[in-house]
PDB file of N, CA and C in Angstrom:
ATOM      1  N   MET A   1     100.095 122.739  95.975  1.00  0.00           N
ATOM      2  CA  MET A   1     100.640 122.671  97.306  1.00  0.00           C
ATOM      3  C   MET A   1      99.543 123.032  98.307  1.00  0.00           C
ATOM      4  N   ILE A   2      99.448 122.253  99.367  1.00  0.00           N
ATOM      5  CA  ILE A   2      98.448 122.490 100.400  1.00  0.00           C
ATOM      6  C   ILE A   2      99.067 123.359 101.471  1.00  0.00           C
ATOM      7  N   ASN A   3      98.418 124.440 101.812  1.00  0.00           N
ATOM      8  CA  ASN A   3      98.910 125.324 102.860  1.00  0.00           C
ATOM      9  C   ASN A   3      98.134 125.039 104.137  1.00  0.00           C
ATOM     10  N   VAL A   4      98.808 124.491 105.125  1.00  0.00           N
ATOM     11  CA  VAL A   4      98.163 124.055 106.354  1.00  0.00           C
ATOM     12  C   VAL A   4      98.700 124.860 107.526  1.00  0.00           C
ATOM     13  N   PRO A   5      97.816 125.461 108.333  1.00  0.00           N
ATOM     14  CA  PRO A   5      98.307 126.115 109.539  1.00  0.00           C
ATOM     15  C   PRO A   5      98.852 125.051 110.494  1.00  0.00           C
ATOM     16  N   HIS A   6     100.037 125.269 110.963  1.00  0.00           N
ATOM     17  CA  HIS A   6     100.662 124.285 111.853  1.00  0.00           C
ATOM     18  C   HIS A   6     100.321 124.587 113.306  1.00  0.00           C
ATOM     19  N   ASP A   7     100.199 123.541 114.085  1.00  0.00           N
ATOM     20  CA  ASP A   7     100.119 123.697 115.523  1.00  0.00           C
ATOM     21  C   ASP A   7     101.191 122.800 116.132  1.00  0.00           C
ATOM     22  N   ASP A   8     101.296 122.796 117.437  1.00  0.00           N
ATOM     23  CA  ASP A   8     102.379 122.074 118.103  1.00  0.00           C
ATOM     24  C   ASP A   8     102.302 120.566 117.905  1.00  0.00           C
ATOM     25  N   ALA A   9     101.115 120.048 117.640  1.00  0.00           N
ATOM     26  CA  ALA A   9     100.958 118.597 117.577  1.00  0.00           C
ATOM     27  C   ALA A   9     101.353 118.000 116.223  1.00  0.00           C
ATOM     28  N   VAL A  10     101.248 118.744 115.161  1.00  0.00           N
ATOM     29  CA  VAL A  10     101.472 118.195 113.830  1.00  0.00           C
ATOM     30  C   VAL A  10     102.413 119.108 113.040  1.00  0.00           C
ATOM     31  N   ASN A  11     103.639 118.627 112.792  1.00  0.00           N
ATOM     32  CA  ASN A  11     104.590 119.415 112.004  1.00  0.00           C
ATOM     33  C   ASN A  11     104.239 119.389 110.521  1.00  0.00           C
ATOM     34  N   PHE A  12     103.913 118.205 110.024  1.00  0.00           N
ATOM     35  CA  PHE A  12     103.519 118.033 108.638  1.00  0.00           C
ATOM     36  C   PHE A  12     102.210 117.256 108.629  1.00  0.00           C
ATOM     37  N   ARG A  13     101.342 117.567 107.709  1.00  0.00           N
ATOM     38  CA  ARG A  13      99.962 117.079 107.758  1.00  0.00           C
ATOM     39  C   ARG A  13      99.806 115.590 107.471  1.00  0.00           C
ATOM     40  N   TYR A  14     100.535 115.066 106.510  1.00  0.00           N
ATOM     41  CA  TYR A  14     100.267 113.702 106.058  1.00  0.00           C
ATOM     42  C   TYR A  14     101.343 112.713 106.483  1.00  0.00           C
ATOM     43  N   ASP A  15     100.878 111.553 106.926  1.00  0.00           N
ATOM     44  CA  ASP A  15     101.722 110.417 107.259  1.00  0.00           C
ATOM     45  C   ASP A  15     101.626 109.467 106.072  1.00  0.00           C
ATOM     46  N   VAL A  16     102.761 109.165 105.459  1.00  0.00           N
ATOM     47  CA  VAL A  16     102.747 108.373 104.235  1.00  0.00           C
ATOM     48  C   VAL A  16     103.618 107.131 104.413  1.00  0.00           C
ATOM     49  N   VAL A  17     103.069 105.995 104.019  1.00  0.00           N
ATOM     50  CA  VAL A  17     103.818 104.740 103.995  1.00  0.00           C
ATOM     51  C   VAL A  17     103.711 104.191 102.579  1.00  0.00           C
ATOM     52  N   THR A  18     104.861 103.918 101.979  1.00  0.00           N
ATOM     53  CA  THR A  18     104.929 103.485 100.588  1.00  0.00           C
ATOM     54  C   THR A  18     105.784 102.229 100.480  1.00  0.00           C
ATOM     55  N   VAL A  19     105.350 101.306  99.641  1.00  0.00           N
ATOM     56  CA  VAL A  19     106.144 100.115  99.355  1.00  0.00           C
ATOM     57  C   VAL A  19     106.558 100.185  97.888  1.00  0.00           C
ATOM     58  N   ILE A  20     107.863 100.017  97.654  1.00  0.00           N
ATOM     59  CA  ILE A  20     108.440 100.124  96.317  1.00  0.00           C
ATOM     60  C   ILE A  20     109.124  98.810  95.956  1.00  0.00           C
ATOM     61  N   SER A  21     108.871  98.355  94.749  1.00  0.00           N
ATOM     62  CA  SER A  21     109.502  97.130  94.242  1.00  0.00           C
ATOM     63  C   SER A  21     110.550  97.493  93.195  1.00  0.00           C
ATOM     64  N   ASN A  22     111.719  96.868  93.321  1.00  0.00           N
ATOM     65  CA  ASN A  22     112.780  97.041  92.343  1.00  0.00           C
ATOM     66  C   ASN A  22     113.770  95.895  92.555  1.00  0.00           C
ATOM     67  N   PRO A  23     113.896  94.993  91.585  1.00  0.00           N
ATOM     68  CA  PRO A  23     114.793  93.841  91.763  1.00  0.00           C
ATOM     69  C   PRO A  23     116.253  94.229  91.971  1.00  0.00           C
ATOM     70  N   GLU A  24     116.621  95.459  91.617  1.00  0.00           N
ATOM     71  CA  GLU A  24     118.008  95.914  91.766  1.00  0.00           C
ATOM     72  C   GLU A  24     118.328  96.383  93.189  1.00  0.00           C
ATOM     73  N   ILE A  25     117.309  96.634  93.992  1.00  0.00           N
ATOM     74  CA  ILE A  25     117.525  97.130  95.354  1.00  0.00           C
ATOM     75  C   ILE A  25     118.033  95.993  96.227  1.00  0.00           C
ATOM     76  N   THR A  26     119.093  96.307  96.972  1.00  0.00           N
ATOM     77  CA  THR A  26     119.611  95.350  97.936  1.00  0.00           C
ATOM     78  C   THR A  26     119.534  95.966  99.325  1.00  0.00           C
ATOM     79  N   LYS A  27     119.615  95.129 100.310  1.00  0.00           N
ATOM     80  CA  LYS A  27     119.607  95.608 101.695  1.00  0.00           C
ATOM     81  C   LYS A  27     120.772  96.568 101.927  1.00  0.00           C
ATOM     82  N   GLU A  28     121.875  96.326 101.241  1.00  0.00           N
ATOM     83  CA  GLU A  28     123.076  97.129 101.425  1.00  0.00           C
ATOM     84  C   GLU A  28     122.907  98.573 100.922  1.00  0.00           C
ATOM     85  N   ASN A  29     122.067  98.803  99.908  1.00  0.00           N
ATOM     86  CA  ASN A  29     121.953 100.176  99.416  1.00  0.00           C
ATOM     87  C   ASN A  29     120.764 100.943  99.996  1.00  0.00           C
ATOM     88  N   LEU A  30     120.099 100.397 101.017  1.00  0.00           N
ATOM     89  CA  LEU A  30     119.016 101.131 101.683  1.00  0.00           C
ATOM     90  C   LEU A  30     119.521 102.428 102.307  1.00  0.00           C
ATOM     91  N   LYS A  31     120.702 102.374 102.925  1.00  0.00           N
ATOM     92  CA  LYS A  31     121.272 103.573 103.564  1.00  0.00           C
ATOM     93  C   LYS A  31     121.536 104.663 102.521  1.00  0.00           C
ATOM     94  N   GLU A  32     122.051 104.270 101.373  1.00  0.00           N
ATOM     95  CA  GLU A  32     122.312 105.222 100.292  1.00  0.00           C
ATOM     96  C   GLU A  32     121.008 105.891  99.834  1.00  0.00           C
ATOM     97  N   ILE A  33     119.963 105.095  99.665  1.00  0.00           N
ATOM     98  CA  ILE A  33     118.668 105.642  99.258  1.00  0.00           C
ATOM     99  C   ILE A  33     118.118 106.571 100.333  1.00  0.00           C
ATOM    100  N   GLN A  34     118.232 106.154 101.587  1.00  0.00           N
ATOM    101  CA  GLN A  34     117.749 106.989 102.683  1.00  0.00           C
ATOM    102  C   GLN A  34     118.495 108.321 102.725  1.00  0.00           C
ATOM    103  N   ASP A  35     119.800 108.288 102.557  1.00  0.00           N
ATOM    104  CA  ASP A  35     120.586 109.524 102.575  1.00  0.00           C
ATOM    105  C   ASP A  35     120.178 110.464 101.441  1.00  0.00           C
ATOM    106  N   LYS A  36     119.970 109.920 100.241  1.00  0.00           N
ATOM    107  CA  LYS A  36     119.555 110.753  99.107  1.00  0.00           C
ATOM    108  C   LYS A  36     118.184 111.382  99.358  1.00  0.00           C
ATOM    109  N   LEU A  37     117.260 110.592  99.881  1.00  0.00           N
ATOM    110  CA  LEU A  37     115.921 111.119 100.160  1.00  0.00           C
ATOM    111  C   LEU A  37     115.964 112.170 101.266  1.00  0.00           C
ATOM    112  N   LYS A  38     116.781 111.922 102.280  1.00  0.00           N
ATOM    113  CA  LYS A  38     116.897 112.874 103.392  1.00  0.00           C
ATOM    114  C   LYS A  38     117.374 114.233 102.884  1.00  0.00           C
ATOM    115  N   VAL A  39     118.362 114.216 102.017  1.00  0.00           N
ATOM    116  CA  VAL A  39     118.877 115.470 101.457  1.00  0.00           C
ATOM    117  C   VAL A  39     117.765 116.203 100.723  1.00  0.00           C
ATOM    118  N   HIS A  40     117.035 115.494  99.881  1.00  0.00           N
ATOM    119  CA  HIS A  40     115.955 116.121  99.119  1.00  0.00           C
ATOM    120  C   HIS A  40     114.857 116.659 100.044  1.00  0.00           C
ATOM    121  N   ILE A  41     114.418 115.848 100.984  1.00  0.00           N
ATOM    122  CA  ILE A  41     113.319 116.228 101.871  1.00  0.00           C
ATOM    123  C   ILE A  41     113.716 117.377 102.784  1.00  0.00           C
ATOM    124  N   MET A  42     114.887 117.307 103.381  1.00  0.00           N
ATOM    125  CA  MET A  42     115.313 118.331 104.325  1.00  0.00           C
ATOM    126  C   MET A  42     115.736 119.613 103.603  1.00  0.00           C
ATOM    127  N   LYS A  43     116.414 119.462 102.459  1.00  0.00           N
ATOM    128  CA  LYS A  43     116.875 120.638 101.717  1.00  0.00           C
ATOM    129  C   LYS A  43     115.701 121.524 101.332  1.00  0.00           C
ATOM    130  N   ASP A  44     114.644 120.900 100.856  1.00  0.00           N
ATOM    131  CA  ASP A  44     113.469 121.646 100.425  1.00  0.00           C
ATOM    132  C   ASP A  44     112.456 121.835 101.551  1.00  0.00           C
ATOM    133  N   CYS A  45     112.771 121.305 102.733  1.00  0.00           N
ATOM    134  CA  CYS A  45     111.914 121.411 103.918  1.00  0.00           C
ATOM    135  C   CYS A  45     110.489 120.958 103.600  1.00  0.00           C
ATOM    136  N   ILE A  46     110.382 119.781 102.971  1.00  0.00           N
ATOM    137  CA  ILE A  46     109.061 119.295 102.595  1.00  0.00           C
ATOM    138  C   ILE A  46     108.607 118.089 103.408  1.00  0.00           C
ATOM    139  N   GLY A  47     109.360 117.727 104.444  1.00  0.00           N
ATOM    140  CA  GLY A  47     108.932 116.592 105.252  1.00  0.00           C
ATOM    141  C   GLY A  47     109.883 116.291 106.383  1.00  0.00           C
ATOM    142  N   ASP A  48     109.493 115.294 107.173  1.00  0.00           N
ATOM    143  CA  ASP A  48     110.347 114.808 108.255  1.00  0.00           C
ATOM    144  C   ASP A  48     109.981 113.357 108.560  1.00  0.00           C
ATOM    145  N   SER A  49     110.573 112.821 109.603  1.00  0.00           N
ATOM    146  CA  SER A  49     110.308 111.456 110.082  1.00  0.00           C
ATOM    147  C   SER A  49     110.539 110.396 109.014  1.00  0.00           C
ATOM    148  N   LEU A  50     111.565 110.566 108.212  1.00  0.00           N
ATOM    149  CA  LEU A  50     111.868 109.606 107.154  1.00  0.00           C
ATOM    150  C   LEU A  50     112.439 108.328 107.752  1.00  0.00           C
ATOM    151  N   ALA A  51     111.856 107.207 107.370  1.00  0.00           N
ATOM    152  CA  ALA A  51     112.368 105.897 107.785  1.00  0.00           C
ATOM    153  C   ALA A  51     112.249 104.951 106.600  1.00  0.00           C
ATOM    154  N   ILE A  52     113.296 104.161 106.384  1.00  0.00           N
ATOM    155  CA  ILE A  52     113.305 103.201 105.285  1.00  0.00           C
ATOM    156  C   ILE A  52     113.720 101.840 105.826  1.00  0.00           C
ATOM    157  N   THR A  53     112.959 100.832 105.442  1.00  0.00           N
ATOM    158  CA  THR A  53     113.324  99.452 105.745  1.00  0.00           C
ATOM    159  C   THR A  53     113.142  98.657 104.465  1.00  0.00           C
ATOM    160  N   GLY A  54     113.692  97.466 104.446  1.00  0.00           N
ATOM    161  CA  GLY A  54     113.481  96.659 103.257  1.00  0.00           C
ATOM    162  C   GLY A  54     114.327  95.428 103.214  1.00  0.00           C
ATOM    163  N   MET A  55     114.242  94.800 102.069  1.00  0.00           N
ATOM    164  CA  MET A  55     114.989  93.581 101.796  1.00  0.00           C
ATOM    165  C   MET A  55     115.276  93.563 100.301  1.00  0.00           C
ATOM    166  N   ARG A  56     115.941  92.551  99.853  1.00  0.00           N
ATOM    167  CA  ARG A  56     116.271  92.475  98.426  1.00  0.00           C
ATOM    168  C   ARG A  56     114.996  92.637  97.595  1.00  0.00           C
ATOM    169  N   GLY A  57     115.022  93.642  96.711  1.00  0.00           N
ATOM    170  CA  GLY A  57     113.931  93.831  95.774  1.00  0.00           C
ATOM    171  C   GLY A  57     112.773  94.691  96.244  1.00  0.00           C
ATOM    172  N   MET A  58     112.770  95.090  97.517  1.00  0.00           N
ATOM    173  CA  MET A  58     111.628  95.841  98.014  1.00  0.00           C
ATOM    174  C   MET A  58     112.038  96.760  99.164  1.00  0.00           C
ATOM    175  N   ILE A  59     111.479  97.984  99.150  1.00  0.00           N
ATOM    176  CA  ILE A  59     111.700  98.888 100.272  1.00  0.00           C
ATOM    177  C   ILE A  59     110.361  99.462 100.730  1.00  0.00           C
ATOM    178  N   LYS A  60     110.326  99.769 102.006  1.00  0.00           N
ATOM    179  CA  LYS A  60     109.167 100.422 102.608  1.00  0.00           C
ATOM    180  C   LYS A  60     109.653 101.768 103.119  1.00  0.00           C
ATOM    181  N   VAL A  61     108.986 102.830 102.685  1.00  0.00           N
ATOM    182  CA  VAL A  61     109.395 104.184 103.038  1.00  0.00           C
ATOM    183  C   VAL A  61     108.266 104.844 103.818  1.00  0.00           C
ATOM    184  N   HIS A  62     108.627 105.448 104.949  1.00  0.00           N
ATOM    185  CA  HIS A  62     107.673 106.175 105.785  1.00  0.00           C
ATOM    186  C   HIS A  62     108.169 107.610 105.909  1.00  0.00           C
ATOM    187  N   PHE A  63     107.248 108.584 105.787  1.00  0.00           N
ATOM    188  CA  PHE A  63     107.619 109.987 105.976  1.00  0.00           C
ATOM    189  C   PHE A  63     106.383 110.810 106.296  1.00  0.00           C
ATOM    190  N   HIS A  64     106.611 112.012 106.788  1.00  0.00           N
ATOM    191  CA  HIS A  64     105.545 112.996 107.030  1.00  0.00           C
ATOM    192  C   HIS A  64     105.797 114.172 106.096  1.00  0.00           C
ATOM    193  N   SER A  65     104.725 114.725 105.508  1.00  0.00           N
ATOM    194  CA  SER A  65     104.872 115.833 104.578  1.00  0.00           C
ATOM    195  C   SER A  65     103.541 116.545 104.379  1.00  0.00           C
ATOM    196  N   ASP A  66     103.602 117.817 104.041  1.00  0.00           N
ATOM    197  CA  ASP A  66     102.395 118.533 103.618  1.00  0.00           C
ATOM    198  C   ASP A  66     102.115 118.257 102.147  1.00  0.00           C
ATOM    199  N   ASN A  67     103.131 117.822 101.417  1.00  0.00           N
ATOM    200  CA  ASN A  67     103.024 117.588  99.977  1.00  0.00           C
ATOM    201  C   ASN A  67     103.569 116.206  99.624  1.00  0.00           C
ATOM    202  N   PRO A  68     102.857 115.158  99.989  1.00  0.00           N
ATOM    203  CA  PRO A  68     103.392 113.812  99.736  1.00  0.00           C
ATOM    204  C   PRO A  68     103.648 113.526  98.268  1.00  0.00           C
ATOM    205  N   GLU A  69     102.897 114.177  97.387  1.00  0.00           N
ATOM    206  CA  GLU A  69     103.088 113.895  95.958  1.00  0.00           C
ATOM    207  C   GLU A  69     104.486 114.284  95.497  1.00  0.00           C
ATOM    208  N   GLU A  70     105.099 115.292  96.105  1.00  0.00           N
ATOM    209  CA  GLU A  70     106.469 115.669  95.734  1.00  0.00           C
ATOM    210  C   GLU A  70     107.457 114.554  96.061  1.00  0.00           C
ATOM    211  N   ILE A  71     107.313 113.982  97.240  1.00  0.00           N
ATOM    212  CA  ILE A  71     108.226 112.920  97.654  1.00  0.00           C
ATOM    213  C   ILE A  71     107.925 111.638  96.880  1.00  0.00           C
ATOM    214  N   LEU A  72     106.661 111.377  96.613  1.00  0.00           N
ATOM    215  CA  LEU A  72     106.307 110.197  95.831  1.00  0.00           C
ATOM    216  C   LEU A  72     106.902 110.266  94.429  1.00  0.00           C
ATOM    217  N   GLU A  73     106.971 111.453  93.857  1.00  0.00           N
ATOM    218  CA  GLU A  73     107.614 111.622  92.547  1.00  0.00           C
ATOM    219  C   GLU A  73     109.083 111.237  92.621  1.00  0.00           C
ATOM    220  N   VAL A  74     109.760 111.631  93.700  1.00  0.00           N
ATOM    221  CA  VAL A  74     111.170 111.279  93.888  1.00  0.00           C
ATOM    222  C   VAL A  74     111.303 109.764  94.066  1.00  0.00           C
ATOM    223  N   LEU A  75     110.391 109.172  94.821  1.00  0.00           N
ATOM    224  CA  LEU A  75     110.466 107.736  95.092  1.00  0.00           C
ATOM    225  C   LEU A  75     110.311 106.894  93.828  1.00  0.00           C
ATOM    226  N   LYS A  76     109.611 107.410  92.836  1.00  0.00           N
ATOM    227  CA  LYS A  76     109.402 106.658  91.591  1.00  0.00           C
ATOM    228  C   LYS A  76     110.713 106.312  90.895  1.00  0.00           C
ATOM    229  N   GLN A  77     111.763 107.094  91.147  1.00  0.00           N
ATOM    230  CA  GLN A  77     113.041 106.788  90.507  1.00  0.00           C
ATOM    231  C   GLN A  77     113.688 105.541  91.104  1.00  0.00           C
ATOM    232  N   TYR A  78     113.188 105.064  92.245  1.00  0.00           N
ATOM    233  CA  TYR A  78     113.766 103.889  92.896  1.00  0.00           C
ATOM    234  C   TYR A  78     113.028 102.604  92.555  1.00  0.00           C
ATOM    235  N   GLY A  79     111.929 102.699  91.817  1.00  0.00           N
ATOM    236  CA  GLY A  79     111.213 101.491  91.425  1.00  0.00           C
ATOM    237  C   GLY A  79     109.726 101.736  91.279  1.00  0.00           C
ATOM    238  N   GLU A  80     108.997 100.637  91.184  1.00  0.00           N
ATOM    239  CA  GLU A  80     107.549 100.696  91.017  1.00  0.00           C
ATOM    240  C   GLU A  80     106.877 100.833  92.385  1.00  0.00           C
ATOM    241  N   ILE A  81     106.038 101.833  92.522  1.00  0.00           N
ATOM    242  CA  ILE A  81     105.296 102.010  93.777  1.00  0.00           C
ATOM    243  C   ILE A  81     104.152 101.003  93.780  1.00  0.00           C
ATOM    244  N   LEU A  82     104.250 100.033  94.700  1.00  0.00           N
ATOM    245  CA  LEU A  82     103.232  98.988  94.789  1.00  0.00           C
ATOM    246  C   LEU A  82     102.043  99.435  95.623  1.00  0.00           C
ATOM    247  N   SER A  83     102.321 100.213  96.663  1.00  0.00           N
ATOM    248  CA  SER A  83     101.233 100.698  97.510  1.00  0.00           C
ATOM    249  C   SER A  83     101.654 101.995  98.176  1.00  0.00           C
ATOM    250  N   GLN A  84     100.648 102.775  98.495  1.00  0.00           N
ATOM    251  CA  GLN A  84     100.905 103.992  99.263  1.00  0.00           C
ATOM    252  C   GLN A  84      99.685 104.236 100.139  1.00  0.00           C
ATOM    253  N   ASP A  85      99.945 104.525 101.386  1.00  0.00           N
ATOM    254  CA  ASP A  85      98.897 104.803 102.355  1.00  0.00           C
ATOM    255  C   ASP A  85      99.147 106.205 102.888  1.00  0.00           C
ATOM    256  N   VAL A  86      98.194 107.103 102.700  1.00  0.00           N
ATOM    257  CA  VAL A  86      98.335 108.489 103.123  1.00  0.00           C
ATOM    258  C   VAL A  86      97.266 108.785 104.162  1.00  0.00           C
ATOM    259  N   GLU A  87      97.701 109.132 105.363  1.00  0.00           N
ATOM    260  CA  GLU A  87      96.786 109.447 106.468  1.00  0.00           C
ATOM    261  C   GLU A  87      96.903 110.926 106.812  1.00  0.00           C
ATOM    262  N   ASP A  88      95.781 111.575 107.054  1.00  0.00           N
ATOM    263  CA  ASP A  88      95.744 112.983 107.433  1.00  0.00           C
ATOM    264  C   ASP A  88      95.915 113.091 108.954  1.00  0.00           C
ATOM    265  N   MET A  89      97.133 113.417 109.395  1.00  0.00           N
ATOM    266  CA  MET A  89      97.415 113.477 110.833  1.00  0.00           C
ATOM    267  C   MET A  89      96.733 114.649 111.513  1.00  0.00           C
ATOM    268  N   LYS A  90      96.547 115.743 110.804  1.00  0.00           N
ATOM    269  CA  LYS A  90      95.858 116.892 111.384  1.00  0.00           C
ATOM    270  C   LYS A  90      94.415 116.516 111.711  1.00  0.00           C
ATOM    271  N   GLU A  91      93.768 115.833 110.796  1.00  0.00           N
ATOM    272  CA  GLU A  91      92.398 115.377 111.016  1.00  0.00           C
ATOM    273  C   GLU A  91      92.348 114.400 112.196  1.00  0.00           C
ATOM    274  N   GLN A  92      93.298 113.468 112.232  1.00  0.00           N
ATOM    275  CA  GLN A  92      93.355 112.514 113.339  1.00  0.00           C
ATOM    276  C   GLN A  92      93.543 113.228 114.672  1.00  0.00           C
ATOM    277  N   TYR A  93      94.388 114.251 114.685  1.00  0.00           N
ATOM    278  CA  TYR A  93      94.639 115.005 115.905  1.00  0.00           C
ATOM    279  C   TYR A  93      93.388 115.757 116.353  1.00  0.00           C
ATOM    280  N   GLU A  94      92.658 116.340 115.403  1.00  0.00           N
ATOM    281  CA  GLU A  94      91.420 117.056 115.751  1.00  0.00           C
ATOM    282  C   GLU A  94      90.394 116.100 116.351  1.00  0.00           C
ATOM    283  N   VAL A  95      90.270 114.908 115.801  1.00  0.00           N
ATOM    284  CA  VAL A  95      89.357 113.890 116.344  1.00  0.00           C
ATOM    285  C   VAL A  95      89.800 113.506 117.751  1.00  0.00           C
ATOM    286  N   PHE A  96      91.089 113.320 117.937  1.00  0.00           N
ATOM    287  CA  PHE A  96      91.635 112.973 119.250  1.00  0.00           C
ATOM    288  C   PHE A  96      91.351 114.078 120.276  1.00  0.00           C
ATOM    289  N   LYS A  97      91.590 115.346 119.880  1.00  0.00           N
ATOM    290  CA  LYS A  97      91.328 116.465 120.805  1.00  0.00           C
ATOM    291  C   LYS A  97      89.856 116.542 121.160  1.00  0.00           C
ATOM    292  N   ALA A  98      88.972 116.389 120.200  1.00  0.00           N
ATOM    293  CA  ALA A  98      87.538 116.435 120.453  1.00  0.00           C
ATOM    294  C   ALA A  98      87.118 115.320 121.399  1.00  0.00           C
ATOM    295  N   LYS A  99      87.672 114.147 121.206  1.00  0.00           N
ATOM    296  CA  LYS A  99      87.366 113.009 122.075  1.00  0.00           C
ATOM    297  C   LYS A  99      87.838 113.271 123.502  1.00  0.00           C
ATOM    298  N   GLN A 100      89.023 113.859 123.632  1.00  0.00           N
ATOM    299  CA  GLN A 100      89.559 114.187 124.970  1.00  0.00           C
ATOM    300  C   GLN A 100      88.676 115.203 125.679  1.00  0.00           C
ATOM    301  N   GLN A 101      88.197 116.183 124.953  1.00  0.00           N
ATOM    302  CA  GLN A 101      87.362 117.243 125.548  1.00  0.00           C
ATOM    303  C   GLN A 101      86.035 116.690 126.029  1.00  0.00           C
ATOM    304  N   LYS A 102      85.525 115.651 125.387  1.00  0.00           N
ATOM    305  CA  LYS A 102      84.273 115.028 125.807  1.00  0.00           C
ATOM    306  C   LYS A 102      84.432 114.219 127.086  1.00  0.00           C
ATOM    307  N   GLU A 103      85.633 113.705 127.305  1.00  0.00           N
ATOM    308  CA  GLU A 103      85.877 112.855 128.479  1.00  0.00           C
ATOM    309  C   GLU A 103      86.016 113.623 129.738  1.00  0.00           C
TER     310      GLU A 103
END
């Protein structure tokens, strides 16, 4: 687990976008999957900004977390993870602040 000092700009350090393939997934059960993930993420306070979109056979999941690997483990139960993009928002914010100070 990564222990990150929080500041006002970044609640959770990593921005994660994941694409999952599963032929059994339908557009109709996206809400059910989102609700299950929300319970897990919020109950354990391991992330926020959860958003799910998709179509038959594929879902795209977006979330913020200090421990993306925990949520990715949960996501594996919904299908094969085809891609995952993890961005360090704290680092991005520090670059942004430094750039602002130079201007």
